[in-house]
Amino acid sequence: MTPRPALSLTVTLAMEPAQPTEPEPPVREIGIRPSVVHPVLRGRLLEDADGTHRPVPGASVEVVEGLTQVTDAQGDFAFQGLDFGAYTLLVRPTGRPDLRTEVEYRSGGGIDKIVLPRP
């Protein structure tokens, strides 16, 4: 058997020493201020189906004061940029009669659920 050629390689790198950093002062206080940067009127459109509530996707939901959204697969809709207060929503589900409902939009409020009656 013949010996294989061997190659030996040594690499030397020159580096600057790291500069010492000054320690950060300890945290003494943390301030948290609640803020509503982008308030959103949210809701969910459901239909009463034999005592259970199922989402209604693809329905038009209009704030009578001028904005319209379409519900997603979970029946959810959202309107941004509205002031807090009372609004009238006009719900137009496909193949069903329109429904007009009043909602109160408040800070810290949850999702308004709108349940369509059985046809």
Foldseek 3Di string as FASTA:
>chain_A
DDDDDDDDDDDDDDDDDDDDDDDDDDDDDDDDDDDCPKDKQKAAEWEQDPNDTAGQFQKWKDFPVGDIDGAHRRRMDMDIDDDFAKTWIWIGGPPDDIDIDIDGGDVVDDHHYHYDYDD
